[in-house]
Every structure is written in structure tokens, then in C-alpha cells.
Amino acid sequence: MGIIEEANELAGDVDDKEVLDAALLASAQAVEHYEITRYGTLIAWAKRLGRDDCASVLQQNLDEEKATDERLSALAGSQINQQAA
């Protein structure tokens, strides 16, 4: 909830559309990083508990989150951040 509140506050403070796009993209990445961290923790716990079946499913989710983060990074680096600068 804190990350979402931060994004909402930021969105309210930015008037320039291109800067707003970059800020919202950064907020989306913050959410992805939070999810990546959580999935990593859950995978470690599942393995510790001998639940490799659960760890495998969680790993799939983690891989998806990492892929999304990579796409967001590519978008930010190729277009959004340059337009905002």
C-alpha cells in the first residue's frame, strides 16, 4: 500500500506529462522489485520446508516478475526517461 500511496502522491505533484510517465514507470518498477523480493523469500521458505512443489510454482511467478521488470527497464531506457529529461 505504501508504494501505491507514494505513486499517487508523486502523480499529483507532477504536471509535465513526460515526467509523469517516467515517474509512474519508476513506481511500477518499485512494485515489481517488491514482488521480486517477496517471491524470493517465499521460495526460500518453501524449500526450507521441503515444499519443492510450491517453490517451483513460486519460481515461475518470480521469473514472470523479473521479465516484467526487464521490459519496464527497457522501456524506461529507450524512451520514457529520455523524453522526460
PDB file of N, CA and C in Angstrom:
ATOM      1  N   MET A   1       0.828  -1.194   0.000  1.00  0.00           N
ATOM      2  CA  MET A   1       0.000   0.000   0.000  1.00  0.00           C
ATOM      3  C   MET A   1       0.871   1.256   0.000  1.00  0.00           C
ATOM      4  N   GLY A   2       2.005   1.203   0.686  1.00  0.00           N
ATOM      5  CA  GLY A   2       2.876   2.362   0.756  1.00  0.00           C
ATOM      6  C   GLY A   2       3.417   2.765  -0.602  1.00  0.00           C
ATOM      7  N   ILE A   3       3.766   1.774  -1.412  1.00  0.00           N
ATOM      8  CA  ILE A   3       4.290   2.074  -2.747  1.00  0.00           C
ATOM      9  C   ILE A   3       3.207   2.718  -3.608  1.00  0.00           C
ATOM     10  N   ILE A   4       1.992   2.245  -3.487  1.00  0.00           N
ATOM     11  CA  ILE A   4       0.877   2.811  -4.255  1.00  0.00           C
ATOM     12  C   ILE A   4       0.589   4.239  -3.787  1.00  0.00           C
ATOM     13  N   GLU A   5       0.598   4.449  -2.477  1.00  0.00           N
ATOM     14  CA  GLU A   5       0.385   5.804  -1.957  1.00  0.00           C
ATOM     15  C   GLU A   5       1.467   6.757  -2.450  1.00  0.00           C
ATOM     16  N   GLU A   6       2.697   6.287  -2.444  1.00  0.00           N
ATOM     17  CA  GLU A   6       3.810   7.104  -2.934  1.00  0.00           C
ATOM     18  C   GLU A   6       3.604   7.474  -4.398  1.00  0.00           C
ATOM     19  N   ALA A   7       3.187   6.518  -5.207  1.00  0.00           N
ATOM     20  CA  ALA A   7       2.943   6.784  -6.626  1.00  0.00           C
ATOM     21  C   ALA A   7       1.818   7.787  -6.808  1.00  0.00           C
ATOM     22  N   ASN A   8       0.765   7.661  -6.022  1.00  0.00           N
ATOM     23  CA  ASN A   8      -0.350   8.604  -6.120  1.00  0.00           C
ATOM     24  C   ASN A   8       0.078  10.016  -5.734  1.00  0.00           C
ATOM     25  N   GLU A   9       0.880  10.128  -4.678  1.00  0.00           N
ATOM     26  CA  GLU A   9       1.371  11.437  -4.264  1.00  0.00           C
ATOM     27  C   GLU A   9       2.249  12.047  -5.349  1.00  0.00           C
ATOM     28  N   LEU A  10       3.111  11.232  -5.891  1.00  0.00           N
ATOM     29  CA  LEU A  10       4.009  11.702  -6.944  1.00  0.00           C
ATOM     30  C   LEU A  10       3.222  12.159  -8.161  1.00  0.00           C
ATOM     31  N   ALA A  11       2.235  11.387  -8.548  1.00  0.00           N
ATOM     32  CA  ALA A  11       1.425  11.731  -9.715  1.00  0.00           C
ATOM     33  C   ALA A  11       0.728  13.075  -9.512  1.00  0.00           C
ATOM     34  N   GLY A  12       0.343  13.354  -8.291  1.00  0.00           N
ATOM     35  CA  GLY A  12      -0.323  14.622  -8.005  1.00  0.00           C
ATOM     36  C   GLY A  12       0.625  15.809  -8.023  1.00  0.00           C
ATOM     37  N   ASP A  13       1.916  15.554  -7.887  1.00  0.00           N
ATOM     38  CA  ASP A  13       2.914  16.629  -7.835  1.00  0.00           C
ATOM     39  C   ASP A  13       3.536  16.962  -9.181  1.00  0.00           C
ATOM     40  N   VAL A  14       3.280  16.158 -10.200  1.00  0.00           N
ATOM     41  CA  VAL A  14       3.954  16.322 -11.487  1.00  0.00           C
ATOM     42  C   VAL A  14       2.949  16.793 -12.535  1.00  0.00           C
ATOM     43  N   ASP A  15       3.287  17.915 -13.168  1.00  0.00           N
ATOM     44  CA  ASP A  15       2.395  18.464 -14.200  1.00  0.00           C
ATOM     45  C   ASP A  15       2.804  18.056 -15.612  1.00  0.00           C
ATOM     46  N   ASP A  16       4.090  17.901 -15.839  1.00  0.00           N
ATOM     47  CA  ASP A  16       4.605  17.560 -17.171  1.00  0.00           C
ATOM     48  C   ASP A  16       4.288  16.099 -17.483  1.00  0.00           C
ATOM     49  N   LYS A  17       3.577  15.859 -18.585  1.00  0.00           N
ATOM     50  CA  LYS A  17       3.143  14.502 -18.934  1.00  0.00           C
ATOM     51  C   LYS A  17       4.315  13.547 -19.101  1.00  0.00           C
ATOM     52  N   GLU A  18       5.378  13.991 -19.738  1.00  0.00           N
ATOM     53  CA  GLU A  18       6.510  13.099 -19.981  1.00  0.00           C
ATOM     54  C   GLU A  18       7.233  12.760 -18.677  1.00  0.00           C
ATOM     55  N   VAL A  19       7.333  13.724 -17.783  1.00  0.00           N
ATOM     56  CA  VAL A  19       7.936  13.464 -16.472  1.00  0.00           C
ATOM     57  C   VAL A  19       7.015  12.547 -15.674  1.00  0.00           C
ATOM     58  N   LEU A  20       5.725  12.767 -15.786  1.00  0.00           N
ATOM     59  CA  LEU A  20       4.764  11.912 -15.096  1.00  0.00           C
ATOM     60  C   LEU A  20       4.881  10.466 -15.575  1.00  0.00           C
ATOM     61  N   ASP A  21       5.021  10.270 -16.887  1.00  0.00           N
ATOM     62  CA  ASP A  21       5.187   8.917 -17.426  1.00  0.00           C
ATOM     63  C   ASP A  21       6.413   8.235 -16.807  1.00  0.00           C
ATOM     64  N   ALA A  22       7.517   8.974 -16.726  1.00  0.00           N
ATOM     65  CA  ALA A  22       8.742   8.413 -16.151  1.00  0.00           C
ATOM     66  C   ALA A  22       8.549   8.102 -14.668  1.00  0.00           C
ATOM     67  N   ALA A  23       7.869   8.970 -13.971  1.00  0.00           N
ATOM     68  CA  ALA A  23       7.629   8.759 -12.539  1.00  0.00           C
ATOM     69  C   ALA A  23       6.736   7.550 -12.301  1.00  0.00           C
ATOM     70  N   LEU A  24       5.704   7.420 -13.103  1.00  0.00           N
ATOM     71  CA  LEU A  24       4.802   6.270 -12.949  1.00  0.00           C
ATOM     72  C   LEU A  24       5.501   4.969 -13.317  1.00  0.00           C
ATOM     73  N   LEU A  25       6.346   5.029 -14.322  1.00  0.00           N
ATOM     74  CA  LEU A  25       7.122   3.852 -14.693  1.00  0.00           C
ATOM     75  C   LEU A  25       8.047   3.445 -13.551  1.00  0.00           C
ATOM     76  N   ALA A  26       8.687   4.422 -12.930  1.00  0.00           N
ATOM     77  CA  ALA A  26       9.551   4.135 -11.791  1.00  0.00           C
ATOM     78  C   ALA A  26       8.750   3.529 -10.644  1.00  0.00           C
ATOM     79  N   SER A  27       7.546   4.004 -10.441  1.00  0.00           N
ATOM     80  CA  SER A  27       6.686   3.449  -9.400  1.00  0.00           C
ATOM     81  C   SER A  27       6.291   2.008  -9.719  1.00  0.00           C
ATOM     82  N   ALA A  28       6.012   1.749 -10.987  1.00  0.00           N
ATOM     83  CA  ALA A  28       5.680   0.375 -11.398  1.00  0.00           C
ATOM     84  C   ALA A  28       6.865  -0.552 -11.144  1.00  0.00           C
ATOM     85  N   GLN A  29       8.070  -0.055 -11.403  1.00  0.00           N
ATOM     86  CA  GLN A  29       9.251  -0.869 -11.142  1.00  0.00           C
ATOM     87  C   GLN A  29       9.439  -1.104  -9.658  1.00  0.00           C
ATOM     88  N   ALA A  30       9.104  -0.130  -8.840  1.00  0.00           N
ATOM     89  CA  ALA A  30       9.203  -0.318  -7.388  1.00  0.00           C
ATOM     90  C   ALA A  30       8.290  -1.460  -6.944  1.00  0.00           C
ATOM     91  N   VAL A  31       7.104  -1.520  -7.522  1.00  0.00           N
ATOM     92  CA  VAL A  31       6.184  -2.616  -7.209  1.00  0.00           C
ATOM     93  C   VAL A  31       6.787  -3.949  -7.644  1.00  0.00           C
ATOM     94  N   GLU A  32       7.343  -3.983  -8.845  1.00  0.00           N
ATOM     95  CA  GLU A  32       7.960  -5.222  -9.333  1.00  0.00           C
ATOM     96  C   GLU A  32       9.102  -5.660  -8.424  1.00  0.00           C
ATOM     97  N   HIS A  33       9.926  -4.718  -7.988  1.00  0.00           N
ATOM     98  CA  HIS A  33      11.059  -5.066  -7.118  1.00  0.00           C
ATOM     99  C   HIS A  33      10.573  -5.611  -5.782  1.00  0.00           C
ATOM    100  N   TYR A  34       9.506  -5.037  -5.269  1.00  0.00           N
ATOM    101  CA  TYR A  34       8.907  -5.534  -4.027  1.00  0.00           C
ATOM    102  C   TYR A  34       8.430  -6.975  -4.233  1.00  0.00           C
ATOM    103  N   GLU A  35       7.745  -7.214  -5.338  1.00  0.00           N
ATOM    104  CA  GLU A  35       7.236  -8.559  -5.606  1.00  0.00           C
ATOM    105  C   GLU A  35       8.384  -9.553  -5.806  1.00  0.00           C
ATOM    106  N   ILE A  36       9.440  -9.126  -6.487  1.00  0.00           N
ATOM    107  CA  ILE A  36      10.602  -9.993  -6.693  1.00  0.00           C
ATOM    108  C   ILE A  36      11.192 -10.394  -5.351  1.00  0.00           C
ATOM    109  N   THR A  37      11.321  -9.434  -4.463  1.00  0.00           N
ATOM    110  CA  THR A  37      11.850  -9.717  -3.131  1.00  0.00           C
ATOM    111  C   THR A  37      10.968 -10.702  -2.383  1.00  0.00           C
ATOM    112  N   ARG A  38       9.684 -10.489  -2.428  1.00  0.00           N
ATOM    113  CA  ARG A  38       8.755 -11.370  -1.706  1.00  0.00           C
ATOM    114  C   ARG A  38       8.777 -12.790  -2.264  1.00  0.00           C
ATOM    115  N   TYR A  39       8.759 -12.911  -3.585  1.00  0.00           N
ATOM    116  CA  TYR A  39       8.797 -14.256  -4.166  1.00  0.00           C
ATOM    117  C   TYR A  39      10.090 -14.966  -3.807  1.00  0.00           C
ATOM    118  N   GLY A  40      11.200 -14.242  -3.818  1.00  0.00           N
ATOM    119  CA  GLY A  40      12.474 -14.849  -3.427  1.00  0.00           C
ATOM    120  C   GLY A  40      12.423 -15.395  -2.008  1.00  0.00           C
ATOM    121  N   THR A  41      11.836 -14.626  -1.115  1.00  0.00           N
ATOM    122  CA  THR A  41      11.694 -15.072   0.274  1.00  0.00           C
ATOM    123  C   THR A  41      10.794 -16.292   0.369  1.00  0.00           C
ATOM    124  N   LEU A  42       9.668 -16.250  -0.312  1.00  0.00           N
ATOM    125  CA  LEU A  42       8.728 -17.379  -0.266  1.00  0.00           C
ATOM    126  C   LEU A  42       9.351 -18.656  -0.835  1.00  0.00           C
ATOM    127  N   ILE A  43      10.144 -18.509  -1.877  1.00  0.00           N
ATOM    128  CA  ILE A  43      10.827 -19.673  -2.456  1.00  0.00           C
ATOM    129  C   ILE A  43      11.782 -20.273  -1.442  1.00  0.00           C
ATOM    130  N   ALA A  44      12.538 -19.423  -0.777  1.00  0.00           N
ATOM    131  CA  ALA A  44      13.477 -19.916   0.242  1.00  0.00           C
ATOM    132  C   ALA A  44      12.736 -20.630   1.362  1.00  0.00           C
ATOM    133  N   TRP A  45      11.628 -20.082   1.799  1.00  0.00           N
ATOM    134  CA  TRP A  45      10.850 -20.716   2.865  1.00  0.00           C
ATOM    135  C   TRP A  45      10.286 -22.056   2.399  1.00  0.00           C
ATOM    136  N   ALA A  46       9.744 -22.067   1.186  1.00  0.00           N
ATOM    137  CA  ALA A  46       9.165 -23.315   0.666  1.00  0.00           C
ATOM    138  C   ALA A  46      10.227 -24.406   0.582  1.00  0.00           C
ATOM    139  N   LYS A  47      11.404 -24.060   0.113  1.00  0.00           N
ATOM    140  CA  LYS A  47      12.486 -25.048   0.030  1.00  0.00           C
ATOM    141  C   LYS A  47      12.886 -25.529   1.418  1.00  0.00           C
ATOM    142  N   ARG A  48      12.969 -24.613   2.358  1.00  0.00           N
ATOM    143  CA  ARG A  48      13.349 -24.972   3.735  1.00  0.00           C
ATOM    144  C   ARG A  48      12.335 -25.941   4.341  1.00  0.00           C
ATOM    145  N   LEU A  49      11.086 -25.784   3.955  1.00  0.00           N
ATOM    146  CA  LEU A  49      10.023 -26.651   4.461  1.00  0.00           C
ATOM    147  C   LEU A  49       9.878 -27.932   3.641  1.00  0.00           C
ATOM    148  N   GLY A  50      10.748 -28.102   2.661  1.00  0.00           N
ATOM    149  CA  GLY A  50      10.687 -29.297   1.832  1.00  0.00           C
ATOM    150  C   GLY A  50       9.565 -29.280   0.819  1.00  0.00           C
ATOM    151  N   ARG A  51       9.065 -28.108   0.509  1.00  0.00           N
ATOM    152  CA  ARG A  51       7.953 -27.976  -0.434  1.00  0.00           C
ATOM    153  C   ARG A  51       8.467 -27.510  -1.788  1.00  0.00           C
ATOM    154  N   ASP A  52       9.224 -28.376  -2.440  1.00  0.00           N
ATOM    155  CA  ASP A  52       9.765 -28.044  -3.755  1.00  0.00           C
ATOM    156  C   ASP A  52       8.661 -27.819  -4.781  1.00  0.00           C
ATOM    157  N   ASP A  53       7.510 -28.467  -4.577  1.00  0.00           N
ATOM    158  CA  ASP A  53       6.383 -28.255  -5.478  1.00  0.00           C
ATOM    159  C   ASP A  53       5.920 -26.801  -5.428  1.00  0.00           C
ATOM    160  N   CYS A  54       5.812 -26.273  -4.231  1.00  0.00           N
ATOM    161  CA  CYS A  54       5.421 -24.869  -4.077  1.00  0.00           C
ATOM    162  C   CYS A  54       6.526 -23.937  -4.575  1.00  0.00           C
ATOM    163  N   ALA A  55       7.759 -24.289  -4.263  1.00  0.00           N
ATOM    164  CA  ALA A  55       8.888 -23.469  -4.700  1.00  0.00           C
ATOM    165  C   ALA A  55       8.919 -23.362  -6.220  1.00  0.00           C
ATOM    166  N   SER A  56       8.571 -24.425  -6.894  1.00  0.00           N
ATOM    167  CA  SER A  56       8.574 -24.425  -8.356  1.00  0.00           C
ATOM    168  C   SER A  56       7.536 -23.454  -8.916  1.00  0.00           C
ATOM    169  N   VAL A  57       6.348 -23.466  -8.348  1.00  0.00           N
ATOM    170  CA  VAL A  57       5.292 -22.551  -8.794  1.00  0.00           C
ATOM    171  C   VAL A  57       5.685 -21.109  -8.489  1.00  0.00           C
ATOM    172  N   LEU A  58       6.219 -20.901  -7.299  1.00  0.00           N
ATOM    173  CA  LEU A  58       6.664 -19.562  -6.918  1.00  0.00           C
ATOM    174  C   LEU A  58       7.792 -19.080  -7.825  1.00  0.00           C
ATOM    175  N   GLN A  59       8.649 -19.980  -8.227  1.00  0.00           N
ATOM    176  CA  GLN A  59       9.745 -19.625  -9.123  1.00  0.00           C
ATOM    177  C   GLN A  59       9.207 -19.155 -10.471  1.00  0.00           C
ATOM    178  N   GLN A  60       8.150 -19.789 -10.949  1.00  0.00           N
ATOM    179  CA  GLN A  60       7.526 -19.348 -12.199  1.00  0.00           C
ATOM    180  C   GLN A  60       7.019 -17.919 -12.057  1.00  0.00           C
ATOM    181  N   ASN A  61       6.392 -17.635 -10.921  1.00  0.00           N
ATOM    182  CA  ASN A  61       5.906 -16.279 -10.666  1.00  0.00           C
ATOM    183  C   ASN A  61       7.072 -15.294 -10.602  1.00  0.00           C
ATOM    184  N   LEU A  62       8.134 -15.697  -9.922  1.00  0.00           N
ATOM    185  CA  LEU A  62       9.313 -14.845  -9.817  1.00  0.00           C
ATOM    186  C   LEU A  62       9.893 -14.554 -11.197  1.00  0.00           C
ATOM    187  N   ASP A  63       9.984 -15.558 -12.024  1.00  0.00           N
ATOM    188  CA  ASP A  63      10.500 -15.373 -13.383  1.00  0.00           C
ATOM    189  C   ASP A  63       9.644 -14.377 -14.174  1.00  0.00           C
ATOM    190  N   GLU A  64       8.327 -14.449 -13.998  1.00  0.00           N
ATOM    191  CA  GLU A  64       7.425 -13.517 -14.676  1.00  0.00           C
ATOM    192  C   GLU A  64       7.649 -12.091 -14.185  1.00  0.00           C
ATOM    193  N   GLU A  65       7.823 -11.932 -12.875  1.00  0.00           N
ATOM    194  CA  GLU A  65       8.051 -10.598 -12.314  1.00  0.00           C
ATOM    195  C   GLU A  65       9.372 -10.020 -12.820  1.00  0.00           C
ATOM    196  N   LYS A  66      10.395 -10.857 -12.888  1.00  0.00           N
ATOM    197  CA  LYS A  66      11.691 -10.398 -13.392  1.00  0.00           C
ATOM    198  C   LYS A  66      11.593 -10.000 -14.863  1.00  0.00           C
ATOM    199  N   ALA A  67      10.841 -10.763 -15.635  1.00  0.00           N
ATOM    200  CA  ALA A  67      10.665 -10.440 -17.052  1.00  0.00           C
ATOM    201  C   ALA A  67       9.927  -9.109 -17.214  1.00  0.00           C
ATOM    202  N   THR A  68       8.924  -8.894 -16.394  1.00  0.00           N
ATOM    203  CA  THR A  68       8.194  -7.619 -16.437  1.00  0.00           C
ATOM    204  C   THR A  68       9.116  -6.471 -16.076  1.00  0.00           C
ATOM    205  N   ASP A  69       9.928  -6.655 -15.050  1.00  0.00           N
ATOM    206  CA  ASP A  69      10.871  -5.618 -14.655  1.00  0.00           C
ATOM    207  C   ASP A  69      11.862  -5.312 -15.780  1.00  0.00           C
ATOM    208  N   GLU A  70      12.316  -6.340 -16.462  1.00  0.00           N
ATOM    209  CA  GLU A  70      13.234  -6.135 -17.588  1.00  0.00           C
ATOM    210  C   GLU A  70      12.562  -5.339 -18.707  1.00  0.00           C
ATOM    211  N   ARG A  71      11.303  -5.638 -18.983  1.00  0.00           N
ATOM    212  CA  ARG A  71      10.578  -4.895 -20.023  1.00  0.00           C
ATOM    213  C   ARG A  71      10.395  -3.431 -19.613  1.00  0.00           C
ATOM    214  N   LEU A  72      10.074  -3.211 -18.340  1.00  0.00           N
ATOM    215  CA  LEU A  72       9.922  -1.842 -17.854  1.00  0.00           C
ATOM    216  C   LEU A  72      11.248  -1.088 -17.928  1.00  0.00           C
ATOM    217  N   SER A  73      12.331  -1.762 -17.582  1.00  0.00           N
ATOM    218  CA  SER A  73      13.653  -1.131 -17.658  1.00  0.00           C
ATOM    219  C   SER A  73      14.006  -0.766 -19.094  1.00  0.00           C
ATOM    220  N   ALA A  74      13.708  -1.663 -20.006  1.00  0.00           N
ATOM    221  CA  ALA A  74      13.986  -1.393 -21.419  1.00  0.00           C
ATOM    222  C   ALA A  74      13.162  -0.210 -21.911  1.00  0.00           C
ATOM    223  N   LEU A  75      11.913  -0.169 -21.530  1.00  0.00           N
ATOM    224  CA  LEU A  75      11.041   0.938 -21.920  1.00  0.00           C
ATOM    225  C   LEU A  75      11.555   2.251 -21.347  1.00  0.00           C
ATOM    226  N   ALA A  76      11.923   2.224 -20.097  1.00  0.00           N
ATOM    227  CA  ALA A  76      12.436   3.447 -19.455  1.00  0.00           C
ATOM    228  C   ALA A  76      13.721   3.911 -20.143  1.00  0.00           C
ATOM    229  N   GLY A  77      14.597   2.978 -20.421  1.00  0.00           N
ATOM    230  CA  GLY A  77      15.888   3.340 -21.008  1.00  0.00           C
ATOM    231  C   GLY A  77      15.817   3.772 -22.448  1.00  0.00           C
ATOM    232  N   SER A  78      14.863   3.245 -23.183  1.00  0.00           N
ATOM    233  CA  SER A  78      14.805   3.548 -24.609  1.00  0.00           C
ATOM    234  C   SER A  78      13.953   4.750 -24.946  1.00  0.00           C
ATOM    235  N   GLN A  79      12.980   5.075 -24.110  1.00  0.00           N
ATOM    236  CA  GLN A  79      12.057   6.142 -24.490  1.00  0.00           C
ATOM    237  C   GLN A  79      11.684   7.066 -23.343  1.00  0.00           C
ATOM    238  N   ILE A  80      11.080   6.522 -22.363  1.00  0.00           N
ATOM    239  CA  ILE A  80      10.391   7.327 -21.337  1.00  0.00           C
ATOM    240  C   ILE A  80      11.341   8.281 -20.600  1.00  0.00           C
ATOM    241  N   ASN A  81      12.452   7.766 -20.102  1.00  0.00           N
ATOM    242  CA  ASN A  81      13.364   8.624 -19.342  1.00  0.00           C
ATOM    243  C   ASN A  81      13.983   9.697 -20.222  1.00  0.00           C
ATOM    244  N   GLN A  82      14.273   9.363 -21.479  1.00  0.00           N
ATOM    245  CA  GLN A  82      14.862  10.345 -22.391  1.00  0.00           C
ATOM    246  C   GLN A  82      13.869  11.475 -22.685  1.00  0.00           C
ATOM    247  N   GLN A  83      12.608  11.126 -22.854  1.00  0.00           N
ATOM    248  CA  GLN A  83      11.595  12.143 -23.128  1.00  0.00           C
ATOM    249  C   GLN A  83      11.364  13.035 -21.919  1.00  0.00           C
ATOM    250  N   ALA A  84      11.518  12.475 -20.738  1.00  0.00           N
ATOM    251  CA  ALA A  84      11.283  13.236 -19.512  1.00  0.00           C
ATOM    252  C   ALA A  84      12.434  14.187 -19.202  1.00  0.00           C
ATOM    253  N   ALA A  85      13.616  13.854 -19.725  1.00  0.00           N
ATOM    254  CA  ALA A  85      14.793  14.679 -19.408  1.00  0.00           C
ATOM    255  C   ALA A  85      14.728  15.954 -20.110  1.00  0.00           C
TER     256      ALA A  85
END
